[in-house]
Amino acid sequence: MHIIILNLHASLPIFKTVEQMSQISGLGESKLRELMNNGEMEFVPVGNRRLLTVQALWEWYERNKTACKEGAMICL
């Protein structure tokens, strides 16, 4: 179980549009939609919109990151 502590002022609103999450993450809107379509990133459907959370972005990152070798100064 992971415990996530949020700075609520920094993370409001909790739900973000694809456009907002693209600006926050640096990932393109098309890539975010692709990740949602493939079931790789969780989202909440609200009407015709799909809303994301920063937590969902971090969870995707944790599942997909490439670890550095122990003692390495730079990951490639």
C-alpha atoms as a PDB file:
ATOM      1  CA  MET A   1       0.000   0.000   0.000  1.00  0.00           C
ATOM      2  CA  HIS A   2       1.308   3.444  -0.920  1.00  0.00           C
ATOM      3  CA  ILE A   3       0.601   6.524   1.139  1.00  0.00           C
ATOM      4  CA  ILE A   4       0.555   9.692  -0.896  1.00  0.00           C
ATOM      5  CA  ILE A   5       0.727  13.059   0.825  1.00  0.00           C
ATOM      6  CA  LEU A   6      -0.512  15.904  -1.297  1.00  0.00           C
ATOM      7  CA  ASN A   7      -0.009  19.599  -0.958  1.00  0.00           C
ATOM      8  CA  LEU A   8      -3.650  20.398  -1.681  1.00  0.00           C
ATOM      9  CA  HIS A   9      -2.983  23.967  -2.731  1.00  0.00           C
ATOM     10  CA  ALA A  10      -0.453  22.824  -5.350  1.00  0.00           C
ATOM     11  CA  SER A  11      -2.615  20.007  -6.710  1.00  0.00           C
ATOM     12  CA  LEU A  12      -6.035  21.682  -6.963  1.00  0.00           C
ATOM     13  CA  PRO A  13      -8.164  20.998  -8.862  1.00  0.00           C
ATOM     14  CA  ILE A  14      -7.727  17.294  -8.105  1.00  0.00           C
ATOM     15  CA  PHE A  15      -9.044  16.248 -11.528  1.00  0.00           C
ATOM     16  CA  LYS A  16      -7.286  17.620 -14.583  1.00  0.00           C
ATOM     17  CA  THR A  17      -8.270  17.688 -18.240  1.00  0.00           C
ATOM     18  CA  VAL A  18      -6.020  16.108 -20.849  1.00  0.00           C
ATOM     19  CA  GLU A  19      -4.903  19.600 -21.836  1.00  0.00           C
ATOM     20  CA  GLN A  20      -4.002  20.545 -18.244  1.00  0.00           C
ATOM     21  CA  MET A  21      -2.178  17.262 -17.628  1.00  0.00           C
ATOM     22  CA  SER A  22      -0.216  17.728 -20.840  1.00  0.00           C
ATOM     23  CA  GLN A  23       1.062  21.076 -19.589  1.00  0.00           C
ATOM     24  CA  ILE A  24       1.896  19.649 -16.151  1.00  0.00           C
ATOM     25  CA  SER A  25       3.622  16.485 -17.368  1.00  0.00           C
ATOM     26  CA  GLY A  26       5.235  17.515 -20.624  1.00  0.00           C
ATOM     27  CA  LEU A  27       3.572  14.552 -22.355  1.00  0.00           C
ATOM     28  CA  GLY A  28       1.571  15.426 -25.451  1.00  0.00           C
ATOM     29  CA  GLU A  29      -2.207  15.337 -25.444  1.00  0.00           C
ATOM     30  CA  SER A  30      -2.179  12.559 -28.058  1.00  0.00           C
ATOM     31  CA  LYS A  31       0.170  10.443 -25.919  1.00  0.00           C
ATOM     32  CA  LEU A  32      -2.052  10.889 -22.853  1.00  0.00           C
ATOM     33  CA  ARG A  33      -5.126   9.866 -24.862  1.00  0.00           C
ATOM     34  CA  GLU A  34      -3.220   6.852 -26.214  1.00  0.00           C
ATOM     35  CA  LEU A  35      -2.266   5.780 -22.673  1.00  0.00           C
ATOM     36  CA  MET A  36      -5.895   6.082 -21.553  1.00  0.00           C
ATOM     37  CA  ASN A  37      -7.190   4.230 -24.653  1.00  0.00           C
ATOM     38  CA  ASN A  38      -4.703   1.381 -24.018  1.00  0.00           C
ATOM     39  CA  GLY A  39      -5.678   1.110 -20.347  1.00  0.00           C
ATOM     40  CA  GLU A  40      -2.209   2.215 -19.230  1.00  0.00           C
ATOM     41  CA  MET A  41      -3.355   5.339 -17.380  1.00  0.00           C
ATOM     42  CA  GLU A  42      -6.410   5.586 -15.147  1.00  0.00           C
ATOM     43  CA  PHE A  43      -8.985   8.282 -15.749  1.00  0.00           C
ATOM     44  CA  VAL A  44     -12.488   9.236 -14.674  1.00  0.00           C
ATOM     45  CA  PRO A  45     -15.105   9.659 -17.396  1.00  0.00           C
ATOM     46  CA  VAL A  46     -17.264  12.727 -16.733  1.00  0.00           C
ATOM     47  CA  GLY A  47     -19.762  13.373 -19.499  1.00  0.00           C
ATOM     48  CA  ASN A  48     -17.775  13.427 -22.732  1.00  0.00           C
ATOM     49  CA  ARG A  49     -14.515  14.307 -20.944  1.00  0.00           C
ATOM     50  CA  ARG A  50     -11.853  12.066 -19.423  1.00  0.00           C
ATOM     51  CA  LEU A  51     -10.259  13.520 -16.311  1.00  0.00           C
ATOM     52  CA  LEU A  52      -6.864  12.537 -14.919  1.00  0.00           C
ATOM     53  CA  THR A  53      -5.120  12.877 -11.566  1.00  0.00           C
ATOM     54  CA  VAL A  54      -1.484  13.597 -10.801  1.00  0.00           C
ATOM     55  CA  GLN A  55      -1.520  10.334  -8.829  1.00  0.00           C
ATOM     56  CA  ALA A  56      -2.456   8.422 -12.005  1.00  0.00           C
ATOM     57  CA  LEU A  57       0.476  10.071 -13.784  1.00  0.00           C
ATOM     58  CA  TRP A  58       2.906   9.066 -11.014  1.00  0.00           C
ATOM     59  CA  GLU A  59       1.555   5.504 -10.989  1.00  0.00           C
ATOM     60  CA  TRP A  60       2.122   5.257 -14.751  1.00  0.00           C
ATOM     61  CA  TYR A  61       5.643   6.636 -14.251  1.00  0.00           C
ATOM     62  CA  GLU A  62       6.432   4.092 -11.521  1.00  0.00           C
ATOM     63  CA  ARG A  63       5.300   1.217 -13.758  1.00  0.00           C
ATOM     64  CA  ASN A  64       7.273   2.427 -16.787  1.00  0.00           C
ATOM     65  CA  LYS A  65      10.465   4.037 -15.525  1.00  0.00           C
ATOM     66  CA  THR A  66      13.896   2.661 -16.339  1.00  0.00           C
ATOM     67  CA  ALA A  67      16.057   2.284 -13.272  1.00  0.00           C
ATOM     68  CA  CYS A  68      19.644   3.493 -13.192  1.00  0.00           C
ATOM     69  CA  LYS A  69      22.403   1.056 -12.434  1.00  0.00           C
ATOM     70  CA  GLU A  70      23.530   1.275  -8.855  1.00  0.00           C
ATOM     71  CA  GLY A  71      26.272   3.860  -8.499  1.00  0.00           C
ATOM     72  CA  ALA A  72      25.645   5.386 -11.941  1.00  0.00           C
ATOM     73  CA  MET A  73      25.840   9.144 -12.155  1.00  0.00           C
ATOM     74  CA  ILE A  74      23.673   9.375 -15.276  1.00  0.00           C
ATOM     75  CA  CYS A  75      20.899   7.118 -16.610  1.00  0.00           C
ATOM     76  CA  LEU A  76      20.779   6.592 -20.350  1.00  0.00           C
END
